[in-house]
PDB file of all heavy atoms in Angstrom:
ATOM      1  N   ILE A   1       3.414 -11.590  10.601  1.00  0.00           N
ATOM      2  CA  ILE A   1       4.594 -11.465   9.735  1.00  0.00           C
ATOM      3  C   ILE A   1       5.640 -12.169  10.604  1.00  0.00           C
ATOM      4  O   ILE A   1       5.945 -11.928  11.800  1.00  0.00           O
ATOM      5  CB  ILE A   1       4.972 -10.106   9.362  1.00  0.00           C
ATOM      6  CG1 ILE A   1       6.235 -10.054   8.444  1.00  0.00           C
ATOM      7  CG2 ILE A   1       5.116  -9.253  10.767  1.00  0.00           C
ATOM      8  CD1 ILE A   1       6.466  -8.716   7.895  1.00  0.00           C
ATOM      9  N   THR A   2       6.408 -13.195  10.003  1.00  0.00           N
ATOM     10  CA  THR A   2       7.519 -13.981  10.701  1.00  0.00           C
ATOM     11  C   THR A   2       8.766 -13.127  10.798  1.00  0.00           C
ATOM     12  O   THR A   2       8.899 -12.125  10.183  1.00  0.00           O
ATOM     13  CB  THR A   2       7.688 -15.369   9.928  1.00  0.00           C
ATOM     14  OG1 THR A   2       8.309 -15.037   8.676  1.00  0.00           O
ATOM     15  CG2 THR A   2       6.453 -15.977   9.772  1.00  0.00           C
ATOM     16  N   THR A   3       9.759 -13.810  11.427  1.00  0.00           N
ATOM     17  CA  THR A   3      10.997 -13.047  11.535  1.00  0.00           C
ATOM     18  C   THR A   3      11.616 -12.969  10.181  1.00  0.00           C
ATOM     19  O   THR A   3      12.541 -12.087   9.898  1.00  0.00           O
ATOM     20  CB  THR A   3      11.951 -13.885  12.423  1.00  0.00           C
ATOM     21  OG1 THR A   3      12.100 -15.075  12.040  1.00  0.00           O
ATOM     22  CG2 THR A   3      11.360 -13.888  13.895  1.00  0.00           C
ATOM     23  N   GLY A   4      11.328 -13.915   9.200  1.00  0.00           N
ATOM     24  CA  GLY A   4      11.950 -13.840   7.971  1.00  0.00           C
ATOM     25  C   GLY A   4      11.024 -12.988   6.923  1.00  0.00           C
ATOM     26  O   GLY A   4      11.526 -12.940   5.788  1.00  0.00           O
ATOM     27  N   GLY A   5      10.043 -12.427   7.391  1.00  0.00           N
ATOM     28  CA  GLY A   5       9.176 -11.564   6.491  1.00  0.00           C
ATOM     29  C   GLY A   5       8.033 -12.206   5.641  1.00  0.00           C
ATOM     30  O   GLY A   5       7.242 -11.568   5.049  1.00  0.00           O
ATOM     31  N   SER A   6       7.795 -13.555   6.059  1.00  0.00           N
ATOM     32  CA  SER A   6       6.593 -14.255   5.414  1.00  0.00           C
ATOM     33  C   SER A   6       5.350 -13.618   6.072  1.00  0.00           C
ATOM     34  O   SER A   6       5.317 -13.557   7.313  1.00  0.00           O
ATOM     35  CB  SER A   6       6.703 -15.665   5.599  1.00  0.00           C
ATOM     36  OG  SER A   6       7.769 -16.161   4.909  1.00  0.00           O
ATOM     37  N   THR A   7       4.341 -13.446   5.328  1.00  0.00           N
ATOM     38  CA  THR A   7       3.119 -12.768   5.823  1.00  0.00           C
ATOM     39  C   THR A   7       1.972 -13.755   5.557  1.00  0.00           C
ATOM     40  O   THR A   7       1.908 -14.642   4.854  1.00  0.00           O
ATOM     41  CB  THR A   7       2.766 -11.585   5.150  1.00  0.00           C
ATOM     42  OG1 THR A   7       2.616 -11.736   3.621  1.00  0.00           O
ATOM     43  CG2 THR A   7       3.893 -10.507   5.335  1.00  0.00           C
ATOM     44  N   ASN A   8       0.872 -13.540   6.387  1.00  0.00           N
ATOM     45  CA  ASN A   8      -0.443 -14.176   6.361  1.00  0.00           C
ATOM     46  C   ASN A   8      -1.445 -13.330   6.796  1.00  0.00           C
ATOM     47  O   ASN A   8      -1.315 -12.510   7.713  1.00  0.00           O
ATOM     48  CB  ASN A   8      -0.431 -15.542   7.238  1.00  0.00           C
ATOM     49  CG  ASN A   8      -1.537 -16.335   7.189  1.00  0.00           C
ATOM     50  OD1 ASN A   8      -1.783 -16.825   6.103  1.00  0.00           O
ATOM     51  ND2 ASN A   8      -2.296 -16.471   8.339  1.00  0.00           N
ATOM     52  N   TYR A   9      -2.596 -13.370   6.037  1.00  0.00           N
ATOM     53  CA  TYR A   9      -3.701 -12.560   6.299  1.00  0.00           C
ATOM     54  C   TYR A   9      -4.966 -13.278   6.525  1.00  0.00           C
ATOM     55  O   TYR A   9      -5.331 -14.353   5.864  1.00  0.00           O
ATOM     56  CB  TYR A   9      -3.959 -11.648   5.055  1.00  0.00           C
ATOM     57  CG  TYR A   9      -2.702 -10.636   4.919  1.00  0.00           C
ATOM     58  CD1 TYR A   9      -1.730 -10.958   3.905  1.00  0.00           C
ATOM     59  CD2 TYR A   9      -2.626  -9.358   5.352  1.00  0.00           C
ATOM     60  CE1 TYR A   9      -0.678 -10.218   3.698  1.00  0.00           C
ATOM     61  CE2 TYR A   9      -1.730  -8.576   5.141  1.00  0.00           C
ATOM     62  CZ  TYR A   9      -0.664  -8.948   4.341  1.00  0.00           C
ATOM     63  OH  TYR A   9       0.451  -8.176   4.139  1.00  0.00           O
ATOM     64  N   ALA A  10      -5.901 -12.730   7.277  1.00  0.00           N
ATOM     65  CA  ALA A  10      -7.218 -13.364   7.423  1.00  0.00           C
ATOM     66  C   ALA A  10      -7.886 -13.079   6.087  1.00  0.00           C
ATOM     67  O   ALA A  10      -7.642 -12.023   5.401  1.00  0.00           O
ATOM     68  CB  ALA A  10      -8.035 -12.540   8.600  1.00  0.00           C
ATOM     69  N   ASP A  11      -8.767 -14.013   5.725  1.00  0.00           N
ATOM     70  CA  ASP A  11      -9.506 -13.829   4.448  1.00  0.00           C
ATOM     71  C   ASP A  11     -10.296 -12.476   4.329  1.00  0.00           C
ATOM     72  O   ASP A  11     -10.382 -11.962   3.292  1.00  0.00           O
ATOM     73  CB  ASP A  11     -10.567 -15.078   4.299  1.00  0.00           C
ATOM     74  CG  ASP A  11      -9.903 -16.320   4.050  1.00  0.00           C
ATOM     75  OD1 ASP A  11      -8.664 -16.372   3.661  1.00  0.00           O
ATOM     76  OD2 ASP A  11     -10.558 -17.294   4.253  1.00  0.00           O
ATOM     77  N   SER A  12     -10.809 -12.052   5.457  1.00  0.00           N
ATOM     78  CA  SER A  12     -11.575 -10.815   5.368  1.00  0.00           C
ATOM     79  C   SER A  12     -10.832  -9.519   4.973  1.00  0.00           C
ATOM     80  O   SER A  12     -11.344  -8.576   4.654  1.00  0.00           O
ATOM     81  CB  SER A  12     -12.277 -10.596   6.772  1.00  0.00           C
ATOM     82  OG  SER A  12     -11.198 -10.531   7.850  1.00  0.00           O
ATOM     83  N   VAL A  13      -9.494  -9.558   5.119  1.00  0.00           N
ATOM     84  CA  VAL A  13      -8.735  -8.449   4.911  1.00  0.00           C
ATOM     85  C   VAL A  13      -7.716  -8.549   3.751  1.00  0.00           C
ATOM     86  O   VAL A  13      -7.075  -7.656   3.391  1.00  0.00           O
ATOM     87  CB  VAL A  13      -7.811  -7.867   6.158  1.00  0.00           C
ATOM     88  CG1 VAL A  13      -8.783  -7.762   7.312  1.00  0.00           C
ATOM     89  CG2 VAL A  13      -6.717  -8.952   6.370  1.00  0.00           C
ATOM     90  N   LYS A  14      -7.651  -9.762   3.076  1.00  0.00           N
ATOM     91  CA  LYS A  14      -6.731  -9.966   1.937  1.00  0.00           C
ATOM     92  C   LYS A  14      -7.037  -9.124   0.845  1.00  0.00           C
ATOM     93  O   LYS A  14      -8.118  -8.877   0.486  1.00  0.00           O
ATOM     94  CB  LYS A  14      -6.808 -11.574   1.449  1.00  0.00           C
ATOM     95  CG  LYS A  14      -6.153 -12.529   2.414  1.00  0.00           C
ATOM     96  CD  LYS A  14      -6.322 -13.900   1.882  1.00  0.00           C
ATOM     97  CE  LYS A  14      -5.711 -14.967   2.851  1.00  0.00           C
ATOM     98  NZ  LYS A  14      -5.881 -16.275   2.372  1.00  0.00           N
ATOM     99  N   GLY A  15      -5.897  -8.464   0.305  1.00  0.00           N
ATOM    100  CA  GLY A  15      -6.019  -7.587  -0.790  1.00  0.00           C
ATOM    101  C   GLY A  15      -6.376  -6.089  -0.350  1.00  0.00           C
ATOM    102  O   GLY A  15      -6.235  -5.248  -1.146  1.00  0.00           O
ATOM    103  N   ARG A  16      -6.651  -5.902   0.840  1.00  0.00           N
ATOM    104  CA  ARG A  16      -6.867  -4.543   1.457  1.00  0.00           C
ATOM    105  C   ARG A  16      -5.845  -4.102   2.543  1.00  0.00           C
ATOM    106  O   ARG A  16      -5.576  -2.907   2.543  1.00  0.00           O
ATOM    107  CB  ARG A  16      -8.344  -4.453   2.021  1.00  0.00           C
ATOM    108  CG  ARG A  16      -9.358  -4.875   1.066  1.00  0.00           C
ATOM    109  CD  ARG A  16     -10.818  -4.567   1.773  1.00  0.00           C
ATOM    110  NE  ARG A  16     -11.072  -5.388   2.875  1.00  0.00           N
ATOM    111  CZ  ARG A  16     -11.313  -4.871   4.156  1.00  0.00           C
ATOM    112  NH1 ARG A  16     -11.255  -3.634   4.294  1.00  0.00           N
ATOM    113  NH2 ARG A  16     -11.609  -5.771   5.176  1.00  0.00           N
ATOM    114  N   PHE A  17      -5.384  -4.961   3.174  1.00  0.00           N
ATOM    115  CA  PHE A  17      -4.382  -4.778   4.344  1.00  0.00           C
ATOM    116  C   PHE A  17      -3.004  -5.236   3.975  1.00  0.00           C
ATOM    117  O   PHE A  17      -2.878  -6.312   3.280  1.00  0.00           O
ATOM    118  CB  PHE A  17      -4.840  -5.300   5.694  1.00  0.00           C
ATOM    119  CG  PHE A  17      -5.976  -4.736   6.263  1.00  0.00           C
ATOM    120  CD1 PHE A  17      -6.866  -3.821   5.532  1.00  0.00           C
ATOM    121  CD2 PHE A  17      -6.366  -5.111   7.618  1.00  0.00           C
ATOM    122  CE1 PHE A  17      -7.964  -3.322   6.106  1.00  0.00           C
ATOM    123  CE2 PHE A  17      -7.576  -4.567   8.215  1.00  0.00           C
ATOM    124  CZ  PHE A  17      -8.406  -3.647   7.512  1.00  0.00           C
ATOM    125  N   THR A  18      -1.918  -4.459   4.413  1.00  0.00           N
ATOM    126  CA  THR A  18      -0.672  -4.960   4.186  1.00  0.00           C
ATOM    127  C   THR A  18       0.193  -4.797   5.517  1.00  0.00           C
ATOM    128  O   THR A  18       0.195  -3.716   6.101  1.00  0.00           O
ATOM    129  CB  THR A  18       0.011  -4.123   3.064  1.00  0.00           C
ATOM    130  OG1 THR A  18      -0.656  -4.170   1.888  1.00  0.00           O
ATOM    131  CG2 THR A  18       1.473  -4.640   2.765  1.00  0.00           C
ATOM    132  N   ILE A  19       0.796  -5.943   6.022  1.00  0.00           N
ATOM    133  CA  ILE A  19       1.493  -5.989   7.145  1.00  0.00           C
ATOM    134  C   ILE A  19       3.000  -5.827   6.789  1.00  0.00           C
ATOM    135  O   ILE A  19       3.424  -6.428   5.814  1.00  0.00           O
ATOM    136  CB  ILE A  19       1.309  -7.201   8.033  1.00  0.00           C
ATOM    137  CG1 ILE A  19       2.055  -7.019   9.211  1.00  0.00           C
ATOM    138  CG2 ILE A  19       1.669  -8.493   7.360  1.00  0.00           C
ATOM    139  CD1 ILE A  19       1.614  -8.146  10.444  1.00  0.00           C
ATOM    140  N   SER A  20       3.819  -5.077   7.423  1.00  0.00           N
ATOM    141  CA  SER A  20       5.273  -5.060   7.168  1.00  0.00           C
ATOM    142  C   SER A  20       6.034  -4.825   8.495  1.00  0.00           C
ATOM    143  O   SER A  20       5.383  -4.487   9.531  1.00  0.00           O
ATOM    144  CB  SER A  20       5.614  -3.865   6.218  1.00  0.00           C
ATOM    145  OG  SER A  20       5.120  -2.680   6.778  1.00  0.00           O
ATOM    146  N   ARG A  21       7.321  -4.969   8.460  1.00  0.00           N
ATOM    147  CA  ARG A  21       8.024  -4.657   9.615  1.00  0.00           C
ATOM    148  C   ARG A  21       9.477  -4.047   9.245  1.00  0.00           C
ATOM    149  O   ARG A  21       9.936  -4.332   8.189  1.00  0.00           O
ATOM    150  CB  ARG A  21       8.280  -5.912  10.472  1.00  0.00           C
ATOM    151  CG  ARG A  21       9.122  -7.057   9.884  1.00  0.00           C
ATOM    152  CD  ARG A  21       9.112  -8.354  10.541  1.00  0.00           C
ATOM    153  NE  ARG A  21       9.779  -8.267  11.800  1.00  0.00           N
ATOM    154  CZ  ARG A  21       9.611  -9.102  12.735  1.00  0.00           C
ATOM    155  NH1 ARG A  21       8.800 -10.252  12.665  1.00  0.00           N
ATOM    156  NH2 ARG A  21      10.213  -8.967  14.002  1.00  0.00           N
ATOM    157  N   ASP A  22       9.982  -3.257  10.204  1.00  0.00           N
ATOM    158  CA  ASP A  22      11.283  -2.578  10.087  1.00  0.00           C
ATOM    159  C   ASP A  22      12.031  -2.896  11.263  1.00  0.00           C
ATOM    160  O   ASP A  22      11.900  -2.400  12.369  1.00  0.00           O
ATOM    161  CB  ASP A  22      11.161  -1.122   9.865  1.00  0.00           C
ATOM    162  CG  ASP A  22      12.453  -0.430   9.457  1.00  0.00           C
ATOM    163  OD1 ASP A  22      13.602  -1.016   9.885  1.00  0.00           O
ATOM    164  OD2 ASP A  22      12.547   0.644   8.911  1.00  0.00           O
ATOM    165  N   ASN A  23      12.877  -3.960  11.117  1.00  0.00           N
ATOM    166  CA  ASN A  23      13.699  -4.481  12.344  1.00  0.00           C
ATOM    167  C   ASN A  23      14.572  -3.423  12.908  1.00  0.00           C
ATOM    168  O   ASN A  23      14.847  -3.421  14.041  1.00  0.00           O
ATOM    169  CB  ASN A  23      14.442  -5.743  11.958  1.00  0.00           C
ATOM    170  CG  ASN A  23      13.378  -7.033  11.851  1.00  0.00           C
ATOM    171  OD1 ASN A  23      12.253  -6.859  12.242  1.00  0.00           O
ATOM    172  ND2 ASN A  23      13.883  -8.030  11.227  1.00  0.00           N
ATOM    173  N   ALA A  24      15.246  -2.614  11.944  1.00  0.00           N
ATOM    174  CA  ALA A  24      16.085  -1.563  12.429  1.00  0.00           C
ATOM    175  C   ALA A  24      15.358  -0.487  13.384  1.00  0.00           C
ATOM    176  O   ALA A  24      16.011   0.104  14.080  1.00  0.00           O
ATOM    177  CB  ALA A  24      16.821  -0.862  11.256  1.00  0.00           C
ATOM    178  N   LYS A  25      14.134  -0.391  13.035  1.00  0.00           N
ATOM    179  CA  LYS A  25      13.334   0.631  13.859  1.00  0.00           C
ATOM    180  C   LYS A  25      12.435   0.001  14.976  1.00  0.00           C
ATOM    181  O   LYS A  25      11.719   0.608  15.771  1.00  0.00           O
ATOM    182  CB  LYS A  25      12.445   1.450  12.927  1.00  0.00           C
ATOM    183  CG  LYS A  25      13.161   2.330  11.950  1.00  0.00           C
ATOM    184  CD  LYS A  25      12.150   3.260  11.190  1.00  0.00           C
ATOM    185  CE  LYS A  25      12.915   4.106  10.168  1.00  0.00           C
ATOM    186  NZ  LYS A  25      12.043   4.905   9.494  1.00  0.00           N
ATOM    187  N   SER A  26      12.604  -1.437  15.026  1.00  0.00           N
ATOM    188  CA  SER A  26      11.697  -2.165  16.041  1.00  0.00           C
ATOM    189  C   SER A  26      10.220  -1.756  15.945  1.00  0.00           C
ATOM    190  O   SER A  26       9.680  -1.584  16.948  1.00  0.00           O
ATOM    191  CB  SER A  26      12.320  -1.971  17.495  1.00  0.00           C
ATOM    192  OG  SER A  26      13.498  -2.537  17.538  1.00  0.00           O
ATOM    193  N   THR A  27       9.739  -1.723  14.616  1.00  0.00           N
ATOM    194  CA  THR A  27       8.483  -1.214  14.444  1.00  0.00           C
ATOM    195  C   THR A  27       7.774  -2.098  13.450  1.00  0.00           C
ATOM    196  O   THR A  27       8.297  -2.468  12.429  1.00  0.00           O
ATOM    197  CB  THR A  27       8.562   0.314  13.937  1.00  0.00           C
ATOM    198  OG1 THR A  27       9.068   1.045  14.983  1.00  0.00           O
ATOM    199  CG2 THR A  27       7.066   0.717  13.707  1.00  0.00           C
ATOM    200  N   MET A  28       6.387  -2.411  13.550  1.00  0.00           N
ATOM    201  CA  MET A  28       5.611  -3.144  12.705  1.00  0.00           C
ATOM    202  C   MET A  28       4.503  -2.230  12.257  1.00  0.00           C
ATOM    203  O   MET A  28       4.029  -1.363  13.016  1.00  0.00           O
ATOM    204  CB  MET A  28       5.026  -4.446  13.493  1.00  0.00           C
ATOM    205  CG  MET A  28       4.007  -5.034  12.642  1.00  0.00           C
ATOM    206  SD  MET A  28       3.293  -6.456  13.331  1.00  0.00           S
ATOM    207  CE  MET A  28       2.427  -5.844  14.720  1.00  0.00           C
ATOM    208  N   TYR A  29       4.021  -2.525  10.945  1.00  0.00           N
ATOM    209  CA  TYR A  29       3.228  -1.557  10.409  1.00  0.00           C
ATOM    210  C   TYR A  29       1.865  -2.242   9.806  1.00  0.00           C
ATOM    211  O   TYR A  29       2.009  -3.375   9.559  1.00  0.00           O
ATOM    212  CB  TYR A  29       3.647  -0.708   9.230  1.00  0.00           C
ATOM    213  CG  TYR A  29       4.874  -0.002   9.597  1.00  0.00           C
ATOM    214  CD1 TYR A  29       6.100  -0.531   9.377  1.00  0.00           C
ATOM    215  CD2 TYR A  29       4.766   1.300  10.173  1.00  0.00           C
ATOM    216  CE1 TYR A  29       7.277   0.229   9.702  1.00  0.00           C
ATOM    217  CE2 TYR A  29       5.956   2.005  10.552  1.00  0.00           C
ATOM    218  CZ  TYR A  29       7.228   1.503  10.420  1.00  0.00           C
ATOM    219  OH  TYR A  29       8.382   2.168  10.672  1.00  0.00           O
ATOM    220  N   LEU A  30       0.834  -1.671   9.752  1.00  0.00           N
ATOM    221  CA  LEU A  30      -0.410  -2.182   9.125  1.00  0.00           C
ATOM    222  C   LEU A  30      -1.022  -1.190   8.293  1.00  0.00           C
ATOM    223  O   LEU A  30      -1.597  -0.231   8.854  1.00  0.00           O
ATOM    224  CB  LEU A  30      -1.469  -2.841  10.106  1.00  0.00           C
ATOM    225  CG  LEU A  30      -2.693  -3.493   9.422  1.00  0.00           C
ATOM    226  CD1 LEU A  30      -2.251  -4.798   8.678  1.00  0.00           C
ATOM    227  CD2 LEU A  30      -3.738  -3.773  10.423  1.00  0.00           C
ATOM    228  N   GLN A  31      -0.840  -1.210   6.959  1.00  0.00           N
ATOM    229  CA  GLN A  31      -1.516  -0.301   5.943  1.00  0.00           C
ATOM    230  C   GLN A  31      -2.905  -0.927   5.768  1.00  0.00           C
ATOM    231  O   GLN A  31      -3.044  -2.011   5.149  1.00  0.00           O
ATOM    232  CB  GLN A  31      -0.620  -0.160   4.750  1.00  0.00           C
ATOM    233  CG  GLN A  31      -1.324   0.776   3.706  1.00  0.00           C
ATOM    234  CD  GLN A  31      -1.632   2.228   4.382  1.00  0.00           C
ATOM    235  OE1 GLN A  31      -0.661   2.771   4.906  1.00  0.00           O
ATOM    236  NE2 GLN A  31      -2.673   2.821   3.987  1.00  0.00           N
ATOM    237  N   MET A  32      -3.985  -0.096   6.006  1.00  0.00           N
ATOM    238  CA  MET A  32      -5.363  -0.535   5.728  1.00  0.00           C
ATOM    239  C   MET A  32      -6.006   0.361   4.701  1.00  0.00           C
ATOM    240  O   MET A  32      -6.030   1.561   4.891  1.00  0.00           O
ATOM    241  CB  MET A  32      -6.170  -0.456   7.009  1.00  0.00           C
ATOM    242  CG  MET A  32      -5.580  -1.280   8.197  1.00  0.00           C
ATOM    243  SD  MET A  32      -6.563  -1.205   9.725  1.00  0.00           S
ATOM    244  CE  MET A  32      -6.363   0.461  10.134  1.00  0.00           C
ATOM    245  N   ASP A  33      -6.290  -0.250   3.570  1.00  0.00           N
ATOM    246  CA  ASP A  33      -6.858   0.540   2.463  1.00  0.00           C
ATOM    247  C   ASP A  33      -8.500  -0.082   2.228  1.00  0.00           C
ATOM    248  O   ASP A  33      -8.722  -1.144   2.702  1.00  0.00           O
ATOM    249  CB  ASP A  33      -6.106   0.253   1.126  1.00  0.00           C
ATOM    250  CG  ASP A  33      -4.863   0.911   1.205  1.00  0.00           C
ATOM    251  OD1 ASP A  33      -4.625   1.930   1.908  1.00  0.00           O
ATOM    252  OD2 ASP A  33      -3.901   0.216   0.726  1.00  0.00           O
ATOM    253  N   SER A  34      -9.176   0.606   1.627  1.00  0.00           N
ATOM    254  CA  SER A  34     -10.627   0.294   1.258  1.00  0.00           C
ATOM    255  C   SER A  34     -11.357  -0.219   2.530  1.00  0.00           C
ATOM    256  O   SER A  34     -12.015  -1.253   2.518  1.00  0.00           O
ATOM    257  CB  SER A  34     -10.595  -0.835   0.187  1.00  0.00           C
ATOM    258  OG  SER A  34      -9.940  -0.418  -0.918  1.00  0.00           O
ATOM    259  N   LEU A  35     -11.258   0.578   3.533  1.00  0.00           N
ATOM    260  CA  LEU A  35     -11.824   0.222   4.833  1.00  0.00           C
ATOM    261  C   LEU A  35     -13.325   0.199   4.753  1.00  0.00           C
ATOM    262  O   LEU A  35     -13.986   0.854   4.061  1.00  0.00           O
ATOM    263  CB  LEU A  35     -11.478   1.320   5.904  1.00  0.00           C
ATOM    264  CG  LEU A  35     -10.057   1.092   6.392  1.00  0.00           C
ATOM    265  CD1 LEU A  35      -9.416   2.342   7.139  1.00  0.00           C
ATOM    266  CD2 LEU A  35      -9.959  -0.114   7.340  1.00  0.00           C
ATOM    267  N   LYS A  36     -13.845  -0.758   5.560  1.00  0.00           N
ATOM    268  CA  LYS A  36     -15.287  -1.069   5.614  1.00  0.00           C
ATOM    269  C   LYS A  36     -15.724  -0.988   7.085  1.00  0.00           C
ATOM    270  O   LYS A  36     -14.952  -0.952   8.019  1.00  0.00           O
ATOM    271  CB  LYS A  36     -15.587  -2.498   5.237  1.00  0.00           C
ATOM    272  CG  LYS A  36     -15.046  -2.885   3.783  1.00  0.00           C
ATOM    273  CD  LYS A  36     -15.310  -4.434   3.525  1.00  0.00           C
ATOM    274  CE  LYS A  36     -14.834  -4.847   2.248  1.00  0.00           C
ATOM    275  NZ  LYS A  36     -15.054  -6.352   2.076  1.00  0.00           N
ATOM    276  N   PRO A  37     -17.027  -0.659   7.294  1.00  0.00           N
ATOM    277  CA  PRO A  37     -17.484  -0.495   8.589  1.00  0.00           C
ATOM    278  C   PRO A  37     -17.292  -1.804   9.551  1.00  0.00           C
ATOM    279  O   PRO A  37     -17.089  -1.619  10.563  1.00  0.00           O
ATOM    280  CB  PRO A  37     -19.085  -0.386   8.350  1.00  0.00           C
ATOM    281  CG  PRO A  37     -19.216   0.336   7.018  1.00  0.00           C
ATOM    282  CD  PRO A  37     -18.098  -0.315   6.251  1.00  0.00           C
ATOM    283  N   GLU A  38     -17.260  -2.970   8.842  1.00  0.00           N
ATOM    284  CA  GLU A  38     -16.998  -4.179   9.581  1.00  0.00           C
ATOM    285  C   GLU A  38     -15.500  -4.156  10.113  1.00  0.00           C
ATOM    286  O   GLU A  38     -15.285  -5.086  10.865  1.00  0.00           O
ATOM    287  CB  GLU A  38     -17.209  -5.369   8.569  1.00  0.00           C
ATOM    288  CG  GLU A  38     -18.620  -5.418   7.997  1.00  0.00           C
ATOM    289  CD  GLU A  38     -18.623  -4.736   6.666  1.00  0.00           C
ATOM    290  OE1 GLU A  38     -18.295  -5.406   5.681  1.00  0.00           O
ATOM    291  OE2 GLU A  38     -18.963  -3.550   6.639  1.00  0.00           O
ATOM    292  N   ASP A  39     -14.645  -3.361   9.706  1.00  0.00           N
ATOM    293  CA  ASP A  39     -13.311  -3.233  10.214  1.00  0.00           C
ATOM    294  C   ASP A  39     -13.205  -2.530  11.512  1.00  0.00           C
ATOM    295  O   ASP A  39     -12.090  -2.456  11.984  1.00  0.00           O
ATOM    296  CB  ASP A  39     -12.348  -2.534   9.160  1.00  0.00           C
ATOM    297  CG  ASP A  39     -12.236  -3.317   7.865  1.00  0.00           C
ATOM    298  OD1 ASP A  39     -12.107  -4.622   7.885  1.00  0.00           O
ATOM    299  OD2 ASP A  39     -12.217  -2.726   6.781  1.00  0.00           O
ATOM    300  N   THR A  40     -14.317  -1.852  11.976  1.00  0.00           N
ATOM    301  CA  THR A  40     -14.288  -1.075  13.201  1.00  0.00           C
ATOM    302  C   THR A  40     -13.875  -2.127  14.315  1.00  0.00           C
ATOM    303  O   THR A  40     -14.537  -3.138  14.611  1.00  0.00           O
ATOM    304  CB  THR A  40     -15.616  -0.460  13.427  1.00  0.00           C
ATOM    305  OG1 THR A  40     -15.756   0.460  12.372  1.00  0.00           O
ATOM    306  CG2 THR A  40     -15.765   0.260  14.658  1.00  0.00           C
ATOM    307  N   ALA A  41     -12.987  -1.710  15.074  1.00  0.00           N
ATOM    308  CA  ALA A  41     -12.420  -2.567  16.211  1.00  0.00           C
ATOM    309  C   ALA A  41     -11.183  -1.923  17.024  1.00  0.00           C
ATOM    310  O   ALA A  41     -10.722  -0.846  16.405  1.00  0.00           O
ATOM    311  CB  ALA A  41     -11.970  -3.923  15.653  1.00  0.00           C
ATOM    312  N   VAL A  42     -10.952  -2.429  18.043  1.00  0.00           N
ATOM    313  CA  VAL A  42      -9.526  -2.029  18.673  1.00  0.00           C
ATOM    314  C   VAL A  42      -8.527  -3.012  18.071  1.00  0.00           C
ATOM    315  O   VAL A  42      -8.736  -4.251  18.078  1.00  0.00           O
ATOM    316  CB  VAL A  42      -9.702  -2.185  20.164  1.00  0.00           C
ATOM    317  CG1 VAL A  42      -8.328  -1.810  20.800  1.00  0.00           C
ATOM    318  CG2 VAL A  42     -10.702  -1.292  20.697  1.00  0.00           C
ATOM    319  N   TYR A  43      -7.517  -2.391  17.507  1.00  0.00           N
ATOM    320  CA  TYR A  43      -6.420  -3.253  17.006  1.00  0.00           C
ATOM    321  C   TYR A  43      -5.360  -3.361  17.968  1.00  0.00           C
ATOM    322  O   TYR A  43      -4.789  -2.292  18.377  1.00  0.00           O
ATOM    323  CB  TYR A  43      -6.010  -2.586  15.579  1.00  0.00           C
ATOM    324  CG  TYR A  43      -7.002  -2.763  14.487  1.00  0.00           C
ATOM    325  CD1 TYR A  43      -8.190  -2.133  14.482  1.00  0.00           C
ATOM    326  CD2 TYR A  43      -6.588  -3.586  13.388  1.00  0.00           C
ATOM    327  CE1 TYR A  43      -9.170  -2.357  13.450  1.00  0.00           C
ATOM    328  CE2 TYR A  43      -7.590  -3.861  12.331  1.00  0.00           C
ATOM    329  CZ  TYR A  43      -8.798  -3.209  12.416  1.00  0.00           C
ATOM    330  OH  TYR A  43      -9.656  -3.386  11.417  1.00  0.00           O
TER     331      TYR A  43
END
């Protein structure tokens, strides 16, 4: 996610994951839905 809020996703997670940011809280988020065993990893 860019400073302007534009997002880009790997093909493997498109439609399932959502990236967002809250600049006031200096925090970035990743909402992961419909998780698969292949998503197992250190993030």
